[in-house]
Amino acid sequence: MNVANIITIFRFILIPYFVFVFFSSSQNSIYLSVVVFFSAGFTDILDGYIARNFNMITKLGTVLDPLADKLMLITVLSCFTLKGYIPIFIIIVLAIKELSMIFTGIILYQRNVVIPANIFGKASTFLFYISILFVVFNKLLGVILLYFALLSTLAAYVNYFFIFMKKKEL
């Protein structure tokens, strides 16, 4: 277990912490929970930087990193949906897409095949982060951006499908 993987595991710990802060009785719970969410985003950048620049990329990290991203994003959007900040449609579409990717990733991992995150997936994640920030400060603009993020993630999904098909042929 290297430093990059430990930071990734810390992101898993931030998921229930986000929920705790989000549903706390604090007047600033929404703002504090977004700080937790963006802290997870920062640690995502940090563990990726460490893994790439210090030769710490591992098969486990390649699987855990996007899983932590997906679980955090689904958690955040689920919490926002439960409080009525965003429409349920967004979380349903995203959850179906992410769960299918998680289950496919597990199957591929068992077959010793890992498809790492690429620029399309990273751009989609970035759009979701920006959208969530906007939901907090400007709900209408945030929801509009969430729809663009959802389209982006579906495009990334198609891209991953084509990568999967190419690997399957090899």
N, C-alpha and C. Protein backbone atom coordinates (compact mmCIF):
# COMPACT_ATOMS: atom_id res chain seq x y z
N MET A 1 0.86 -1.18 0.00
CA MET A 1 0.00 0.00 0.00
C MET A 1 0.90 1.23 0.00
N ASN A 2 0.76 2.05 -1.04
CA ASN A 2 1.60 3.24 -1.13
C ASN A 2 0.81 4.50 -0.72
N VAL A 3 1.49 5.64 -0.71
CA VAL A 3 0.89 6.90 -0.26
C VAL A 3 -0.32 7.28 -1.11
N ALA A 4 -0.20 7.13 -2.42
CA ALA A 4 -1.31 7.50 -3.31
C ALA A 4 -2.55 6.67 -2.99
N ASN A 5 -2.38 5.38 -2.75
CA ASN A 5 -3.52 4.51 -2.42
C ASN A 5 -4.11 4.85 -1.06
N ILE A 6 -3.27 5.24 -0.12
CA ILE A 6 -3.77 5.64 1.21
C ILE A 6 -4.62 6.90 1.09
N ILE A 7 -4.19 7.85 0.26
CA ILE A 7 -4.99 9.06 0.04
C ILE A 7 -6.32 8.70 -0.61
N THR A 8 -6.30 7.77 -1.55
CA THR A 8 -7.54 7.33 -2.18
C THR A 8 -8.47 6.71 -1.15
N ILE A 9 -7.95 5.90 -0.27
CA ILE A 9 -8.77 5.29 0.78
C ILE A 9 -9.35 6.37 1.70
N PHE A 10 -8.58 7.41 1.96
CA PHE A 10 -9.09 8.54 2.75
C PHE A 10 -10.32 9.14 2.09
N ARG A 11 -10.35 9.17 0.75
CA ARG A 11 -11.52 9.70 0.04
C ARG A 11 -12.76 8.86 0.31
N PHE A 12 -12.59 7.57 0.49
CA PHE A 12 -13.73 6.72 0.85
C PHE A 12 -14.28 7.12 2.23
N ILE A 13 -13.40 7.49 3.13
CA ILE A 13 -13.81 7.93 4.47
C ILE A 13 -14.57 9.25 4.40
N LEU A 14 -14.22 10.10 3.45
CA LEU A 14 -14.90 11.38 3.30
C LEU A 14 -16.37 11.23 2.85
N ILE A 15 -16.72 10.11 2.27
CA ILE A 15 -18.09 9.91 1.79
C ILE A 15 -19.10 9.93 2.94
N PRO A 16 -18.97 9.07 3.96
CA PRO A 16 -19.95 9.16 5.06
C PRO A 16 -19.81 10.47 5.84
N TYR A 17 -18.61 11.03 5.86
CA TYR A 17 -18.42 12.31 6.54
C TYR A 17 -19.22 13.40 5.82
N PHE A 18 -19.22 13.38 4.49
CA PHE A 18 -20.02 14.32 3.72
C PHE A 18 -21.49 14.21 4.13
N VAL A 19 -22.01 12.98 4.17
CA VAL A 19 -23.42 12.75 4.52
C VAL A 19 -23.72 13.30 5.91
N PHE A 20 -22.82 13.02 6.85
CA PHE A 20 -23.00 13.50 8.22
C PHE A 20 -23.08 15.03 8.25
N VAL A 21 -22.16 15.68 7.57
CA VAL A 21 -22.14 17.15 7.56
C VAL A 21 -23.36 17.70 6.81
N PHE A 22 -23.70 17.10 5.68
CA PHE A 22 -24.81 17.57 4.86
C PHE A 22 -26.13 17.56 5.64
N PHE A 23 -26.36 16.49 6.39
CA PHE A 23 -27.62 16.36 7.11
C PHE A 23 -27.54 16.85 8.56
N SER A 24 -26.44 17.50 8.91
CA SER A 24 -26.31 18.02 10.27
C SER A 24 -27.27 19.20 10.46
N SER A 25 -27.45 19.59 11.69
CA SER A 25 -28.37 20.68 11.99
C SER A 25 -27.70 22.05 11.89
N SER A 26 -26.47 22.08 11.48
CA SER A 26 -25.74 23.34 11.33
C SER A 26 -26.41 24.22 10.27
N GLN A 27 -26.46 25.52 10.54
CA GLN A 27 -27.03 26.45 9.56
C GLN A 27 -26.24 26.46 8.26
N ASN A 28 -24.97 26.17 8.34
CA ASN A 28 -24.09 26.19 7.17
C ASN A 28 -23.80 24.80 6.63
N SER A 29 -24.66 23.84 6.91
CA SER A 29 -24.37 22.44 6.54
C SER A 29 -24.13 22.27 5.05
N ILE A 30 -24.89 22.96 4.22
CA ILE A 30 -24.71 22.82 2.78
C ILE A 30 -23.33 23.32 2.35
N TYR A 31 -22.91 24.43 2.91
CA TYR A 31 -21.60 25.00 2.55
C TYR A 31 -20.46 24.14 3.09
N LEU A 32 -20.62 23.68 4.33
CA LEU A 32 -19.59 22.83 4.93
C LEU A 32 -19.47 21.49 4.20
N SER A 33 -20.61 20.95 3.78
CA SER A 33 -20.56 19.66 3.07
C SER A 33 -19.90 19.84 1.70
N VAL A 34 -20.10 20.99 1.07
CA VAL A 34 -19.44 21.24 -0.21
C VAL A 34 -17.93 21.37 0.00
N VAL A 35 -17.52 21.91 1.14
CA VAL A 35 -16.08 21.95 1.45
C VAL A 35 -15.54 20.53 1.56
N VAL A 36 -16.29 19.63 2.18
CA VAL A 36 -15.88 18.22 2.28
C VAL A 36 -15.79 17.62 0.88
N PHE A 37 -16.79 17.90 0.06
CA PHE A 37 -16.82 17.39 -1.32
C PHE A 37 -15.60 17.88 -2.11
N PHE A 38 -15.30 19.16 -2.01
CA PHE A 38 -14.15 19.70 -2.74
C PHE A 38 -12.83 19.23 -2.13
N SER A 39 -12.83 18.92 -0.86
CA SER A 39 -11.63 18.31 -0.24
C SER A 39 -11.37 16.95 -0.87
N ALA A 40 -12.44 16.21 -1.10
CA ALA A 40 -12.30 14.91 -1.78
C ALA A 40 -11.75 15.13 -3.19
N GLY A 41 -12.24 16.16 -3.86
CA GLY A 41 -11.73 16.47 -5.21
C GLY A 41 -10.26 16.83 -5.19
N PHE A 42 -9.87 17.61 -4.19
CA PHE A 42 -8.45 17.97 -4.06
C PHE A 42 -7.59 16.74 -3.82
N THR A 43 -8.04 15.85 -2.93
CA THR A 43 -7.26 14.64 -2.65
C THR A 43 -7.22 13.72 -3.87
N ASP A 44 -8.25 13.80 -4.72
CA ASP A 44 -8.24 13.03 -5.97
C ASP A 44 -7.11 13.53 -6.87
N ILE A 45 -7.00 14.83 -6.99
CA ILE A 45 -5.91 15.42 -7.78
C ILE A 45 -4.56 15.07 -7.16
N LEU A 46 -4.49 15.18 -5.84
CA LEU A 46 -3.23 14.91 -5.13
C LEU A 46 -2.78 13.47 -5.30
N ASP A 47 -3.69 12.50 -5.10
CA ASP A 47 -3.24 11.10 -5.22
C ASP A 47 -2.85 10.77 -6.65
N GLY A 48 -3.53 11.36 -7.64
CA GLY A 48 -3.15 11.14 -9.03
C GLY A 48 -1.78 11.72 -9.33
N TYR A 49 -1.53 12.92 -8.82
CA TYR A 49 -0.23 13.56 -9.03
C TYR A 49 0.88 12.72 -8.40
N ILE A 50 0.67 12.28 -7.17
CA ILE A 50 1.68 11.48 -6.48
C ILE A 50 1.92 10.16 -7.22
N ALA A 51 0.83 9.50 -7.61
CA ALA A 51 0.97 8.21 -8.28
C ALA A 51 1.75 8.34 -9.59
N ARG A 52 1.43 9.36 -10.38
CA ARG A 52 2.10 9.52 -11.67
C ARG A 52 3.54 10.00 -11.53
N ASN A 53 3.77 10.96 -10.66
CA ASN A 53 5.10 11.58 -10.58
C ASN A 53 6.11 10.83 -9.71
N PHE A 54 5.62 9.94 -8.89
CA PHE A 54 6.53 9.16 -8.05
C PHE A 54 6.44 7.67 -8.34
N ASN A 55 5.95 7.36 -9.55
CA ASN A 55 5.87 5.98 -10.01
C ASN A 55 5.16 5.07 -9.01
N MET A 56 4.00 5.50 -8.55
CA MET A 56 3.22 4.73 -7.59
C MET A 56 1.89 4.25 -8.17
N ILE A 57 1.80 4.18 -9.49
CA ILE A 57 0.57 3.70 -10.11
C ILE A 57 0.48 2.19 -9.89
N THR A 58 -0.64 1.77 -9.32
CA THR A 58 -0.85 0.34 -9.07
C THR A 58 -2.18 -0.07 -9.69
N LYS A 59 -2.32 -1.35 -9.90
CA LYS A 59 -3.58 -1.88 -10.41
C LYS A 59 -4.71 -1.57 -9.42
N LEU A 60 -4.43 -1.73 -8.13
CA LEU A 60 -5.44 -1.44 -7.11
C LEU A 60 -5.84 0.03 -7.14
N GLY A 61 -4.87 0.92 -7.24
CA GLY A 61 -5.16 2.35 -7.29
C GLY A 61 -5.94 2.73 -8.54
N THR A 62 -5.64 2.07 -9.65
CA THR A 62 -6.35 2.34 -10.90
C THR A 62 -7.82 1.97 -10.79
N VAL A 63 -8.14 1.02 -9.92
CA VAL A 63 -9.53 0.62 -9.70
C VAL A 63 -10.17 1.46 -8.59
N LEU A 64 -9.45 1.65 -7.48
CA LEU A 64 -10.03 2.36 -6.33
C LEU A 64 -10.28 3.84 -6.61
N ASP A 65 -9.39 4.48 -7.36
CA ASP A 65 -9.51 5.92 -7.62
C ASP A 65 -10.84 6.28 -8.28
N PRO A 66 -11.18 5.68 -9.43
CA PRO A 66 -12.47 6.03 -10.03
C PRO A 66 -13.66 5.56 -9.20
N LEU A 67 -13.48 4.46 -8.46
CA LEU A 67 -14.57 3.99 -7.60
C LEU A 67 -14.87 5.01 -6.51
N ALA A 68 -13.85 5.58 -5.91
CA ALA A 68 -14.04 6.62 -4.90
C ALA A 68 -14.74 7.83 -5.51
N ASP A 69 -14.35 8.20 -6.73
CA ASP A 69 -15.00 9.32 -7.42
C ASP A 69 -16.49 9.04 -7.63
N LYS A 70 -16.78 7.87 -8.15
CA LYS A 70 -18.16 7.51 -8.47
C LYS A 70 -19.02 7.47 -7.22
N LEU A 71 -18.51 6.84 -6.17
CA LEU A 71 -19.31 6.73 -4.94
C LEU A 71 -19.53 8.10 -4.30
N MET A 72 -18.52 8.95 -4.32
CA MET A 72 -18.69 10.30 -3.76
C MET A 72 -19.72 11.07 -4.58
N LEU A 73 -19.60 11.03 -5.89
CA LEU A 73 -20.51 11.78 -6.74
C LEU A 73 -21.95 11.29 -6.57
N ILE A 74 -22.15 9.99 -6.57
CA ILE A 74 -23.50 9.44 -6.39
C ILE A 74 -24.04 9.84 -5.02
N THR A 75 -23.19 9.80 -4.00
CA THR A 75 -23.61 10.19 -2.66
C THR A 75 -24.03 11.65 -2.61
N VAL A 76 -23.21 12.52 -3.15
CA VAL A 76 -23.50 13.96 -3.14
C VAL A 76 -24.79 14.25 -3.89
N LEU A 77 -24.92 13.71 -5.08
CA LEU A 77 -26.12 13.96 -5.87
C LEU A 77 -27.36 13.34 -5.22
N SER A 78 -27.20 12.21 -4.57
CA SER A 78 -28.33 11.61 -3.84
C SER A 78 -28.77 12.51 -2.70
N CYS A 79 -27.83 13.04 -1.96
CA CYS A 79 -28.16 13.95 -0.86
C CYS A 79 -28.85 15.21 -1.39
N PHE A 80 -28.34 15.76 -2.49
CA PHE A 80 -28.96 16.94 -3.09
C PHE A 80 -30.37 16.63 -3.57
N THR A 81 -30.57 15.42 -4.09
CA THR A 81 -31.90 15.00 -4.55
C THR A 81 -32.84 14.87 -3.36
N LEU A 82 -32.38 14.24 -2.28
CA LEU A 82 -33.22 14.05 -1.10
C LEU A 82 -33.69 15.37 -0.50
N LYS A 83 -32.85 16.39 -0.60
CA LYS A 83 -33.23 17.71 -0.06
C LYS A 83 -33.94 18.58 -1.10
N GLY A 84 -34.15 18.05 -2.30
CA GLY A 84 -34.90 18.78 -3.31
C GLY A 84 -34.12 19.82 -4.08
N TYR A 85 -32.80 19.79 -4.00
CA TYR A 85 -32.00 20.76 -4.74
C TYR A 85 -31.94 20.44 -6.24
N ILE A 86 -31.97 19.15 -6.57
CA ILE A 86 -31.87 18.75 -7.98
C ILE A 86 -32.94 17.71 -8.29
N PRO A 87 -33.31 17.59 -9.57
CA PRO A 87 -34.33 16.60 -9.95
C PRO A 87 -33.81 15.17 -9.83
N ILE A 88 -34.69 14.27 -9.49
CA ILE A 88 -34.32 12.86 -9.29
C ILE A 88 -33.83 12.21 -10.58
N PHE A 89 -34.28 12.71 -11.72
CA PHE A 89 -33.87 12.16 -13.01
C PHE A 89 -32.35 12.10 -13.15
N ILE A 90 -31.68 13.13 -12.69
CA ILE A 90 -30.22 13.21 -12.83
C ILE A 90 -29.56 12.06 -12.09
N ILE A 91 -29.96 11.83 -10.85
CA ILE A 91 -29.33 10.77 -10.06
C ILE A 91 -29.68 9.38 -10.60
N ILE A 92 -30.88 9.22 -11.13
CA ILE A 92 -31.27 7.91 -11.68
C ILE A 92 -30.39 7.55 -12.88
N VAL A 93 -30.26 8.49 -13.81
CA VAL A 93 -29.44 8.23 -15.01
C VAL A 93 -27.99 8.00 -14.61
N LEU A 94 -27.47 8.87 -13.75
CA LEU A 94 -26.08 8.74 -13.34
C LEU A 94 -25.84 7.44 -12.57
N ALA A 95 -26.75 7.09 -11.68
CA ALA A 95 -26.58 5.87 -10.89
C ALA A 95 -26.56 4.63 -11.78
N ILE A 96 -27.45 4.58 -12.76
CA ILE A 96 -27.47 3.44 -13.68
C ILE A 96 -26.14 3.35 -14.43
N LYS A 97 -25.69 4.48 -14.94
CA LYS A 97 -24.42 4.50 -15.69
C LYS A 97 -23.25 4.10 -14.80
N GLU A 98 -23.16 4.69 -13.60
CA GLU A 98 -22.03 4.42 -12.71
C GLU A 98 -22.05 2.99 -12.18
N LEU A 99 -23.22 2.50 -11.81
CA LEU A 99 -23.29 1.12 -11.31
C LEU A 99 -22.92 0.12 -12.39
N SER A 100 -23.33 0.39 -13.63
CA SER A 100 -22.94 -0.53 -14.71
C SER A 100 -21.42 -0.49 -14.92
N MET A 101 -20.83 0.70 -14.77
CA MET A 101 -19.37 0.79 -14.91
C MET A 101 -18.65 0.11 -13.75
N ILE A 102 -19.21 0.22 -12.54
CA ILE A 102 -18.59 -0.42 -11.38
C ILE A 102 -18.63 -1.94 -11.55
N PHE A 103 -19.79 -2.48 -11.92
CA PHE A 103 -19.90 -3.93 -12.08
C PHE A 103 -19.05 -4.43 -13.24
N THR A 104 -19.01 -3.69 -14.33
CA THR A 104 -18.14 -4.06 -15.45
C THR A 104 -16.67 -4.00 -15.03
N GLY A 105 -16.33 -2.97 -14.25
CA GLY A 105 -14.95 -2.85 -13.75
C GLY A 105 -14.55 -4.02 -12.87
N ILE A 106 -15.47 -4.49 -12.04
CA ILE A 106 -15.19 -5.65 -11.18
C ILE A 106 -14.93 -6.88 -12.04
N ILE A 107 -15.76 -7.09 -13.03
CA ILE A 107 -15.59 -8.24 -13.92
C ILE A 107 -14.26 -8.16 -14.65
N LEU A 108 -13.95 -6.98 -15.18
CA LEU A 108 -12.69 -6.81 -15.91
C LEU A 108 -11.49 -6.99 -14.98
N TYR A 109 -11.60 -6.48 -13.77
CA TYR A 109 -10.51 -6.61 -12.78
C TYR A 109 -10.22 -8.08 -12.51
N GLN A 110 -11.27 -8.88 -12.41
CA GLN A 110 -11.09 -10.32 -12.18
C GLN A 110 -10.41 -11.00 -13.36
N ARG A 111 -10.55 -10.41 -14.52
CA ARG A 111 -9.90 -10.94 -15.73
C ARG A 111 -8.57 -10.26 -16.01
N ASN A 112 -8.10 -9.50 -15.02
CA ASN A 112 -6.82 -8.80 -15.12
C ASN A 112 -6.80 -7.71 -16.18
N VAL A 113 -7.94 -7.11 -16.45
CA VAL A 113 -8.04 -6.01 -17.41
C VAL A 113 -8.50 -4.77 -16.65
N VAL A 114 -7.78 -3.68 -16.80
CA VAL A 114 -8.15 -2.42 -16.17
C VAL A 114 -8.20 -1.36 -17.25
N ILE A 115 -9.31 -0.63 -17.30
CA ILE A 115 -9.43 0.49 -18.22
C ILE A 115 -9.32 1.76 -17.36
N PRO A 116 -8.19 2.44 -17.44
CA PRO A 116 -8.01 3.62 -16.60
C PRO A 116 -8.89 4.78 -17.05
N ALA A 117 -9.07 5.73 -16.14
CA ALA A 117 -9.82 6.93 -16.46
C ALA A 117 -9.12 7.67 -17.59
N ASN A 118 -9.91 8.32 -18.44
CA ASN A 118 -9.33 9.09 -19.54
C ASN A 118 -9.87 10.52 -19.50
N ILE A 119 -9.48 11.29 -20.47
CA ILE A 119 -9.82 12.72 -20.48
C ILE A 119 -11.33 12.96 -20.51
N PHE A 120 -12.09 12.09 -21.16
CA PHE A 120 -13.55 12.27 -21.21
C PHE A 120 -14.17 12.09 -19.83
N GLY A 121 -13.72 11.06 -19.12
CA GLY A 121 -14.22 10.82 -17.77
C GLY A 121 -13.80 11.93 -16.82
N LYS A 122 -12.57 12.39 -16.95
CA LYS A 122 -12.08 13.46 -16.08
C LYS A 122 -12.83 14.77 -16.34
N ALA A 123 -13.09 15.07 -17.61
CA ALA A 123 -13.83 16.29 -17.97
C ALA A 123 -15.25 16.23 -17.42
N SER A 124 -15.84 15.07 -17.50
CA SER A 124 -17.19 14.88 -16.97
C SER A 124 -17.22 15.09 -15.46
N THR A 125 -16.25 14.52 -14.77
CA THR A 125 -16.16 14.70 -13.32
C THR A 125 -15.98 16.17 -12.98
N PHE A 126 -15.12 16.86 -13.72
CA PHE A 126 -14.90 18.29 -13.50
C PHE A 126 -16.20 19.07 -13.67
N LEU A 127 -16.96 18.75 -14.71
CA LEU A 127 -18.24 19.42 -14.94
C LEU A 127 -19.21 19.19 -13.78
N PHE A 128 -19.22 17.97 -13.25
CA PHE A 128 -20.09 17.70 -12.10
C PHE A 128 -19.67 18.53 -10.89
N TYR A 129 -18.38 18.64 -10.66
CA TYR A 129 -17.90 19.44 -9.52
C TYR A 129 -18.34 20.89 -9.65
N ILE A 130 -18.16 21.46 -10.83
CA ILE A 130 -18.55 22.85 -11.07
C ILE A 130 -20.07 22.99 -10.92
N SER A 131 -20.81 22.04 -11.46
CA SER A 131 -22.27 22.07 -11.38
C SER A 131 -22.75 22.05 -9.94
N ILE A 132 -22.15 21.19 -9.13
CA ILE A 132 -22.55 21.08 -7.73
C ILE A 132 -22.26 22.38 -6.99
N LEU A 133 -21.14 22.99 -7.29
CA LEU A 133 -20.84 24.28 -6.68
C LEU A 133 -21.90 25.32 -7.07
N PHE A 134 -22.29 25.33 -8.34
CA PHE A 134 -23.30 26.28 -8.78
C PHE A 134 -24.67 25.99 -8.16
N VAL A 135 -25.01 24.72 -7.96
CA VAL A 135 -26.30 24.40 -7.34
C VAL A 135 -26.41 25.08 -5.98
N VAL A 136 -25.31 25.13 -5.25
CA VAL A 136 -25.32 25.73 -3.92
C VAL A 136 -25.55 27.24 -3.99
N PHE A 137 -24.96 27.90 -4.98
CA PHE A 137 -25.02 29.36 -5.04
C PHE A 137 -26.04 29.91 -6.05
N ASN A 138 -26.38 29.11 -7.06
CA ASN A 138 -27.36 29.53 -8.06
C ASN A 138 -28.02 28.25 -8.58
N LYS A 139 -29.12 27.87 -7.94
CA LYS A 139 -29.74 26.58 -8.19
C LYS A 139 -30.09 26.37 -9.67
N LEU A 140 -30.71 27.35 -10.30
CA LEU A 140 -31.14 27.19 -11.69
C LEU A 140 -29.94 26.95 -12.61
N LEU A 141 -28.93 27.79 -12.51
CA LEU A 141 -27.73 27.61 -13.33
C LEU A 141 -27.05 26.28 -13.00
N GLY A 142 -27.01 25.92 -11.73
CA GLY A 142 -26.40 24.65 -11.32
C GLY A 142 -27.10 23.45 -11.93
N VAL A 143 -28.43 23.47 -11.94
CA VAL A 143 -29.19 22.34 -12.52
C VAL A 143 -28.96 22.28 -14.03
N ILE A 144 -28.93 23.44 -14.68
CA ILE A 144 -28.64 23.45 -16.13
C ILE A 144 -27.26 22.86 -16.39
N LEU A 145 -26.29 23.26 -15.60
CA LEU A 145 -24.94 22.70 -15.75
C LEU A 145 -24.92 21.20 -15.45
N LEU A 146 -25.74 20.76 -14.51
CA LEU A 146 -25.82 19.33 -14.21
C LEU A 146 -26.30 18.54 -15.42
N TYR A 147 -27.25 19.09 -16.16
CA TYR A 147 -27.70 18.40 -17.38
C TYR A 147 -26.57 18.30 -18.40
N PHE A 148 -25.77 19.36 -18.53
CA PHE A 148 -24.60 19.28 -19.42
C PHE A 148 -23.59 18.25 -18.90
N ALA A 149 -23.40 18.21 -17.60
CA ALA A 149 -22.49 17.22 -17.01
C ALA A 149 -23.00 15.81 -17.26
N LEU A 150 -24.31 15.65 -17.17
CA LEU A 150 -24.92 14.34 -17.42
C LEU A 150 -24.69 13.92 -18.88
N LEU A 151 -24.87 14.84 -19.81
CA LEU A 151 -24.59 14.54 -21.22
C LEU A 151 -23.11 14.19 -21.42
N SER A 152 -22.26 14.91 -20.73
CA SER A 152 -20.82 14.66 -20.82
C SER A 152 -20.47 13.27 -20.29
N THR A 153 -21.09 12.90 -19.18
CA THR A 153 -20.78 11.58 -18.61
C THR A 153 -21.32 10.46 -19.49
N LEU A 154 -22.42 10.70 -20.18
CA LEU A 154 -22.94 9.69 -21.11
C LEU A 154 -22.01 9.56 -22.32
N ALA A 155 -21.44 10.68 -22.77
CA ALA A 155 -20.46 10.63 -23.86
C ALA A 155 -19.21 9.86 -23.41
N ALA A 156 -18.78 10.10 -22.17
CA ALA A 156 -17.63 9.37 -21.62
C ALA A 156 -17.94 7.88 -21.55
N TYR A 157 -19.16 7.56 -21.17
CA TYR A 157 -19.60 6.16 -21.08
C TYR A 157 -19.47 5.47 -22.44
N VAL A 158 -19.91 6.14 -23.48
CA VAL A 158 -19.80 5.59 -24.84
C VAL A 158 -18.33 5.41 -25.20
N ASN A 159 -17.50 6.39 -24.85
CA ASN A 159 -16.07 6.29 -25.12
C ASN A 159 -15.46 5.08 -24.41
N TYR A 160 -15.81 4.88 -23.13
CA TYR A 160 -15.30 3.72 -22.39
C TYR A 160 -15.78 2.42 -23.02
N PHE A 161 -16.99 2.42 -23.54
CA PHE A 161 -17.51 1.22 -24.20
C PHE A 161 -16.64 0.87 -25.42
N PHE A 162 -16.28 1.87 -26.20
CA PHE A 162 -15.44 1.60 -27.37
C PHE A 162 -14.05 1.12 -26.96
N ILE A 163 -13.51 1.68 -25.89
CA ILE A 163 -12.21 1.22 -25.38
C ILE A 163 -12.33 -0.24 -24.93
N PHE A 164 -13.41 -0.56 -24.25
CA PHE A 164 -13.66 -1.93 -23.80
C PHE A 164 -13.71 -2.88 -25.00
N MET A 165 -14.42 -2.47 -26.04
CA MET A 165 -14.55 -3.33 -27.22
C MET A 165 -13.20 -3.55 -27.89
N LYS A 166 -12.34 -2.53 -27.92
CA LYS A 166 -11.01 -2.69 -28.50
C LYS A 166 -10.17 -3.66 -27.67
N LYS A 167 -10.25 -3.53 -26.35
CA LYS A 167 -9.48 -4.43 -25.47
C LYS A 167 -9.99 -5.86 -25.59
N LYS A 168 -11.27 -5.99 -25.78
CA LYS A 168 -11.88 -7.31 -25.91
C LYS A 168 -11.36 -8.03 -27.16
N GLU A 169 -11.08 -7.26 -28.21
CA GLU A 169 -10.58 -7.84 -29.46
C GLU A 169 -9.13 -8.32 -29.33
N LEU A 170 -8.37 -7.70 -28.43
CA LEU A 170 -6.93 -8.04 -28.32
C LEU A 170 -6.70 -9.39 -27.75
